[in-house]
Amino acid sequence: MANAPVLVAGAAGGVQGSTGNLVARGLLEKGIPVRAFVRTDDDRAAALRTQGAEVYVGDLREIADVGPALRGVERAFFTYPVRDGLLEASAVFAGAAAREGVRQVVEVSQLAPEPHAGTPRLRQHWVSEQVFDHAGVGAVHLRATVFYENIRALITTGPNGYQLVMPLGGQDAVLPLVGGRDVARVAVGVLAAPEVRPAGFHRLVAEFASVSDVMTAFEVATGRPLRYVDVPSQAWKQSMLDNGLNAHAAAHLTSLWEVFRAAGAANWVDPAYERDDAIARIGGQRAQTLEEFLRSNANHFGSVGTP
């Protein structure tokens, strides 16, 4: 279908990588029509309309909302926030996409999804990938790892300045990291390609950084020291719940940090975390580094070099 819009789920953006919003904006910048699927018709939806997107308001878990939004669409982007409902939304989206003849769905998964993965969310992502694959919609899975945006959110101010409070054990624990911008850029590259790309997956890892590396990158980027505070897993989880994080996300992240903590103690990196070259090859630019991300977000922590 000539000039068929690309449906972008999560187009309003969330509190973490905001990949849906970045994908919508990236497609619009290329002159590709966008049908933005949002949960709420708010200021963010209004901004999308101003940028030229067609806006659909609905619930990704509701077939009566998703089906009409996918009508007349050849390609689509799917992402779902880290909260309850991923499997329901995946089934609805995949079923509707197959019914409407969508040729390709690019969906945000997570690194190393397996039936016996160490977190409930990773296990759900494995099921979600199977659902999209069996729907026959040319699914491309973007297996993204921990977002730089997650690290930014976890850096807080304390009595002794900036601190990173996480249950990772020693400073040699290693985190595979990537920026939401690069994940979105790969999605745009797939969705904007002249020909539909083969189904499959990409491991999106920009860099492997130890806790010590994160501390160094923060100081270089902002001119301020960052102190690491190791805490017990359950104490960290309760703190996140007390600060408003939903139970699904708190359980997932607590389990994920435990996986990285155990790997750090054993000086071991999961071979499933091996990166591929999709960020540069499909996204068109080399991956952003953590230091570059922190530098570009320095105002989030206050002006560089000020107390």
Protein backbone atom coordinates (compact mmCIF):
# COMPACT_ATOMS: atom_id res chain seq x y z
CA MET A 1 0.00 0.00 0.00
CA ALA A 2 1.57 3.25 -1.11
CA ASN A 3 2.06 5.77 1.67
CA ALA A 4 0.69 3.36 4.28
CA PRO A 5 1.30 4.70 7.78
CA VAL A 6 3.53 2.93 10.28
CA LEU A 7 1.70 2.22 13.52
CA VAL A 8 3.87 3.10 16.53
CA ALA A 9 2.75 1.77 19.92
CA GLY A 10 3.87 3.67 22.99
CA ALA A 11 4.31 6.77 20.86
CA ALA A 12 3.74 9.17 23.75
CA GLY A 13 6.89 7.91 25.46
CA GLY A 14 7.37 6.59 28.97
CA VAL A 15 9.58 7.19 31.97
CA GLN A 16 12.51 5.07 30.78
CA GLY A 17 13.85 4.85 27.21
CA SER A 18 10.79 6.45 25.54
CA THR A 19 11.57 4.34 22.48
CA GLY A 20 8.05 4.64 21.05
CA ASN A 21 8.24 8.42 21.01
CA LEU A 22 11.73 8.38 19.53
CA VAL A 23 10.61 5.96 16.82
CA ALA A 24 7.59 8.09 15.93
CA ARG A 25 9.72 11.22 15.68
CA GLY A 26 12.43 9.43 13.69
CA LEU A 27 9.94 8.17 11.12
CA LEU A 28 8.27 11.56 10.79
CA GLU A 29 11.66 13.18 10.21
CA LYS A 30 12.10 10.81 7.27
CA GLY A 31 8.74 11.83 5.85
CA ILE A 32 7.10 8.50 6.69
CA PRO A 33 3.44 8.71 7.80
CA VAL A 34 2.98 7.72 11.44
CA ARG A 35 -0.11 6.46 13.21
CA ALA A 36 0.69 7.01 16.87
CA PHE A 37 -0.99 4.68 19.35
CA VAL A 38 -1.21 6.26 22.81
CA ARG A 39 -2.90 5.35 26.08
CA THR A 40 -4.08 8.87 26.95
CA ASP A 41 -5.01 11.87 24.85
CA ASP A 42 -2.82 14.37 26.69
CA ASP A 43 -0.22 17.03 25.90
CA ARG A 44 2.14 14.40 24.53
CA ALA A 45 -0.52 13.23 22.07
CA ALA A 46 -1.16 16.84 21.08
CA ALA A 47 2.56 17.28 20.39
CA LEU A 48 2.51 14.23 18.12
CA ARG A 49 -0.38 15.71 16.15
CA THR A 50 1.55 18.96 15.81
CA GLN A 51 4.50 16.99 14.43
CA GLY A 52 2.22 15.42 11.81
CA ALA A 53 1.20 12.09 13.32
CA GLU A 54 -2.27 10.59 13.20
CA VAL A 55 -3.18 9.70 16.80
CA TYR A 56 -5.13 6.65 17.97
CA VAL A 57 -6.06 6.48 21.65
CA GLY A 58 -6.56 3.06 23.21
CA ASP A 59 -5.36 0.16 25.34
CA LEU A 60 -2.83 -2.25 23.83
CA ARG A 61 -4.55 -5.10 25.71
CA GLU A 62 -7.89 -4.39 24.03
CA ILE A 63 -8.48 -5.92 20.58
CA ALA A 64 -11.31 -3.48 19.88
CA ASP A 65 -8.75 -0.66 20.12
CA VAL A 66 -5.75 -2.30 18.46
CA GLY A 67 -7.54 -3.89 15.48
CA PRO A 68 -8.82 -0.63 13.95
CA ALA A 69 -5.49 1.08 14.60
CA LEU A 70 -3.67 -1.57 12.52
CA ARG A 71 -6.10 -1.38 9.58
CA GLY A 72 -4.31 -0.30 6.42
CA VAL A 73 -0.87 -0.67 8.03
CA GLU A 74 2.03 -2.64 6.53
CA ARG A 75 4.62 -2.12 9.26
CA ALA A 76 4.31 -1.53 13.00
CA PHE A 77 6.36 -0.96 16.12
CA PHE A 78 5.42 -2.59 19.43
CA THR A 79 6.69 -1.84 22.90
CA TYR A 80 5.07 -2.29 26.29
CA PRO A 81 6.06 -0.70 29.61
CA VAL A 82 7.65 -2.73 32.40
CA ARG A 83 4.40 -3.49 34.17
CA ASP A 84 1.74 -6.20 34.14
CA GLY A 85 0.10 -6.91 30.79
CA LEU A 86 2.95 -7.70 28.38
CA LEU A 87 1.70 -11.12 27.32
CA GLU A 88 -1.89 -9.97 26.90
CA ALA A 89 -0.80 -6.97 24.83
CA SER A 90 1.56 -9.12 22.73
CA ALA A 91 -1.19 -11.61 21.91
CA VAL A 92 -3.66 -8.85 21.02
CA PHE A 93 -1.16 -6.96 18.86
CA ALA A 94 0.17 -10.05 17.08
CA GLY A 95 -3.31 -11.42 16.41
CA ALA A 96 -4.58 -8.10 15.10
CA ALA A 97 -1.47 -7.59 12.96
CA ALA A 98 -1.90 -11.03 11.37
CA ARG A 99 -5.61 -10.40 10.72
CA GLU A 100 -4.90 -7.03 9.07
CA GLY A 101 -2.08 -8.36 6.89
CA VAL A 102 0.77 -6.43 8.54
CA ARG A 103 4.02 -7.49 6.89
CA GLN A 104 6.47 -6.57 9.65
CA VAL A 105 6.32 -5.88 13.37
CA VAL A 106 9.41 -4.54 15.14
CA GLU A 107 9.10 -5.18 18.85
CA VAL A 108 11.22 -4.27 21.84
CA SER A 109 12.24 -7.39 23.73
CA GLN A 110 15.02 -7.84 26.27
CA LEU A 111 18.46 -9.34 26.18
CA ALA A 112 18.66 -13.12 26.65
CA PRO A 113 14.94 -14.05 26.91
CA GLU A 114 14.66 -17.73 27.75
CA PRO A 115 12.07 -20.04 29.36
CA HIS A 116 14.33 -20.37 32.41
CA ALA A 117 15.75 -16.82 32.47
CA GLY A 118 16.52 -15.29 35.83
CA THR A 119 13.69 -12.74 35.91
CA PRO A 120 9.93 -13.09 35.34
CA ARG A 121 9.99 -10.31 32.75
CA LEU A 122 12.67 -12.05 30.68
CA ARG A 123 10.62 -15.25 30.71
CA GLN A 124 7.58 -13.30 29.56
CA HIS A 125 9.61 -11.73 26.74
CA TRP A 126 10.52 -15.22 25.52
CA VAL A 127 6.82 -16.09 25.34
CA SER A 128 6.06 -12.74 23.68
CA GLU A 129 8.66 -13.41 20.98
CA GLN A 130 7.10 -16.81 20.31
CA VAL A 131 3.66 -15.23 19.95
CA PHE A 132 4.89 -12.73 17.35
CA ASP A 133 6.89 -15.38 15.49
CA HIS A 134 3.95 -17.76 15.25
CA ALA A 135 1.67 -14.96 14.07
CA GLY A 136 3.70 -14.76 10.87
CA VAL A 137 4.08 -10.98 10.88
CA GLY A 138 7.79 -10.81 10.00
CA ALA A 139 8.72 -10.06 13.60
CA VAL A 140 12.06 -8.40 14.30
CA HIS A 141 12.91 -8.54 18.01
CA LEU A 142 15.12 -5.82 19.43
CA ARG A 143 16.75 -7.51 22.41
CA ALA A 144 17.72 -4.40 24.30
CA THR A 145 19.59 -4.50 27.57
CA VAL A 146 19.59 -2.15 30.56
CA PHE A 147 18.97 1.38 29.30
CA TYR A 148 21.27 4.25 30.14
CA GLU A 149 18.05 5.96 31.17
CA ASN A 150 17.63 3.38 33.96
CA ILE A 151 21.05 4.26 35.34
CA ARG A 152 20.27 7.97 35.13
CA ALA A 153 17.09 7.41 37.13
CA LEU A 154 19.00 5.51 39.83
CA ILE A 155 21.60 8.23 40.39
CA THR A 156 20.30 10.34 43.27
CA THR A 157 21.57 12.97 45.64
CA GLY A 158 22.39 11.99 49.21
CA PRO A 159 24.07 13.53 52.22
CA ASN A 160 27.47 12.96 50.61
CA GLY A 161 26.65 14.09 47.08
CA TYR A 162 25.62 11.95 44.14
CA GLN A 163 25.17 8.27 44.76
CA LEU A 164 24.22 5.11 42.90
CA VAL A 165 22.34 2.80 45.26
CA MET A 166 22.05 -0.72 43.82
CA PRO A 167 22.31 -4.32 45.11
CA LEU A 168 25.18 -5.33 42.81
CA GLY A 169 27.84 -6.34 45.31
CA GLY A 170 31.31 -5.13 44.46
CA GLN A 171 32.27 -2.42 42.01
CA ASP A 172 33.43 -5.06 39.52
CA ALA A 173 29.87 -6.18 38.73
CA VAL A 174 29.31 -5.61 35.01
CA LEU A 175 26.17 -4.21 33.37
CA PRO A 176 25.41 -4.52 29.64
CA LEU A 177 24.01 -1.10 28.66
CA VAL A 178 22.41 0.72 25.73
CA GLY A 179 20.70 4.05 25.11
CA GLY A 180 17.03 4.33 24.20
CA ARG A 181 18.06 6.56 21.31
CA ASP A 182 20.08 3.76 19.69
CA VAL A 183 17.32 1.19 20.17
CA ALA A 184 14.88 3.57 18.48
CA ARG A 185 17.33 4.27 15.66
CA VAL A 186 17.57 0.55 14.84
CA ALA A 187 13.77 0.29 14.86
CA VAL A 188 13.49 3.23 12.48
CA GLY A 189 16.12 1.68 10.23
CA VAL A 190 14.11 -1.54 9.95
CA LEU A 191 10.75 0.19 9.52
CA ALA A 192 12.00 2.70 6.95
CA ALA A 193 13.92 0.21 4.79
CA PRO A 194 12.76 0.07 1.15
CA GLU A 195 12.21 -3.67 1.46
CA VAL A 196 10.82 -5.65 4.37
CA ARG A 197 13.75 -7.13 6.28
CA PRO A 198 13.91 -10.81 7.23
CA ALA A 199 12.44 -11.76 10.58
CA GLY A 200 14.86 -12.36 13.42
CA PHE A 201 16.43 -10.57 16.37
CA HIS A 202 19.23 -8.16 17.21
CA ARG A 203 21.19 -8.00 20.46
CA LEU A 204 21.43 -4.30 21.23
CA VAL A 205 24.33 -3.71 23.60
CA ALA A 206 26.31 -0.46 23.35
CA GLU A 207 28.89 -1.25 26.02
CA PHE A 208 29.68 -3.38 29.05
CA ALA A 209 30.36 -1.20 32.08
CA SER A 210 31.35 -2.20 35.59
CA VAL A 211 30.01 -0.20 38.51
CA SER A 212 33.46 1.38 38.69
CA ASP A 213 33.18 2.33 35.00
CA VAL A 214 29.81 3.97 35.66
CA MET A 215 31.33 6.01 38.49
CA THR A 216 34.21 7.14 36.28
CA ALA A 217 31.93 8.00 33.35
CA PHE A 218 29.72 10.10 35.63
CA GLU A 219 32.65 12.06 37.03
CA VAL A 220 34.16 12.69 33.59
CA ALA A 221 30.79 13.71 32.12
CA THR A 222 29.56 15.94 34.94
CA GLY A 223 32.66 16.97 36.86
CA ARG A 224 31.24 15.47 40.04
CA PRO A 225 32.11 12.31 41.97
CA LEU A 226 29.62 9.47 42.19
CA ARG A 227 29.56 7.21 45.24
CA TYR A 228 28.33 3.62 44.95
CA VAL A 229 26.25 2.20 47.79
CA ASP A 230 25.66 -1.55 47.84
CA VAL A 231 22.43 -2.61 49.57
CA PRO A 232 20.62 -5.93 50.09
CA SER A 233 18.28 -6.87 47.25
CA GLN A 234 15.08 -6.90 49.28
CA ALA A 235 15.88 -3.56 50.88
CA TRP A 236 16.43 -2.07 47.42
CA LYS A 237 13.16 -3.56 46.18
CA GLN A 238 11.21 -2.18 49.13
CA SER A 239 12.77 1.24 48.62
CA MET A 240 11.67 1.22 44.97
CA LEU A 241 8.13 0.21 45.95
CA ASP A 242 8.04 2.95 48.59
CA ASN A 243 9.03 5.45 45.91
CA GLY A 244 6.18 4.44 43.59
CA LEU A 245 7.72 1.83 41.28
CA ASN A 246 5.10 -0.74 40.27
CA ALA A 247 5.42 -4.26 41.70
CA HIS A 248 6.09 -5.89 38.31
CA ALA A 249 9.05 -3.60 37.56
CA ALA A 250 10.39 -3.87 41.11
CA ALA A 251 10.37 -7.68 40.94
CA HIS A 252 11.99 -7.73 37.51
CA LEU A 253 14.77 -5.30 38.34
CA THR A 254 15.52 -6.89 41.70
CA SER A 255 15.92 -10.28 40.01
CA LEU A 256 17.99 -8.75 37.20
CA TRP A 257 20.40 -7.08 39.63
CA GLU A 258 20.77 -10.41 41.43
CA VAL A 259 21.78 -12.04 38.13
CA PHE A 260 24.43 -9.37 37.51
CA ARG A 261 25.58 -9.52 41.14
CA ALA A 262 26.13 -13.30 40.91
CA ALA A 263 27.91 -12.95 37.56
CA GLY A 264 30.18 -10.26 38.99
CA ALA A 265 31.06 -12.40 41.98
CA ALA A 266 31.97 -15.23 39.61
CA ASN A 267 33.79 -12.93 37.15
CA TRP A 268 31.51 -14.23 34.38
CA VAL A 269 29.58 -12.64 31.50
CA ASP A 270 26.67 -14.54 29.93
CA PRO A 271 27.61 -15.43 26.31
CA ALA A 272 24.01 -14.61 25.35
CA TYR A 273 24.90 -10.96 25.97
CA GLU A 274 27.20 -10.90 22.95
CA ARG A 275 26.37 -7.79 20.94
CA ASP A 276 25.87 -7.57 17.19
CA ASP A 277 26.51 -4.67 14.80
CA ALA A 278 22.88 -3.65 14.29
CA ILE A 279 23.23 -0.25 15.97
CA ALA A 280 25.81 0.91 13.42
CA ARG A 281 24.68 -1.20 10.45
CA ILE A 282 20.93 -0.58 10.66
CA GLY A 283 20.80 2.48 12.90
CA GLY A 284 23.37 4.28 10.77
CA GLN A 285 25.63 5.55 13.57
CA ARG A 286 27.98 4.07 16.11
CA ALA A 287 26.48 3.39 19.51
CA GLN A 288 26.38 6.20 22.03
CA THR A 289 28.65 5.62 25.02
CA LEU A 290 27.54 5.93 28.63
CA GLU A 291 29.85 8.91 29.10
CA GLU A 292 28.31 10.66 26.10
CA PHE A 293 24.81 9.96 27.39
CA LEU A 294 25.62 11.31 30.84
CA ARG A 295 27.27 14.37 29.36
CA SER A 296 24.20 15.09 27.22
CA ASN A 297 22.05 14.70 30.35
CA ALA A 298 24.31 16.71 32.66
CA ASN A 299 21.55 19.25 33.30
CA HIS A 300 19.50 16.44 34.84
CA PHE A 301 22.08 16.43 37.66
CA GLY A 302 22.64 20.20 37.72
CA SER A 303 25.10 22.30 35.78
CA VAL A 304 28.46 20.73 35.13
CA GLY A 305 31.07 21.78 37.67
CA THR A 306 28.66 23.50 40.07
CA PRO A 307 28.22 22.33 43.66
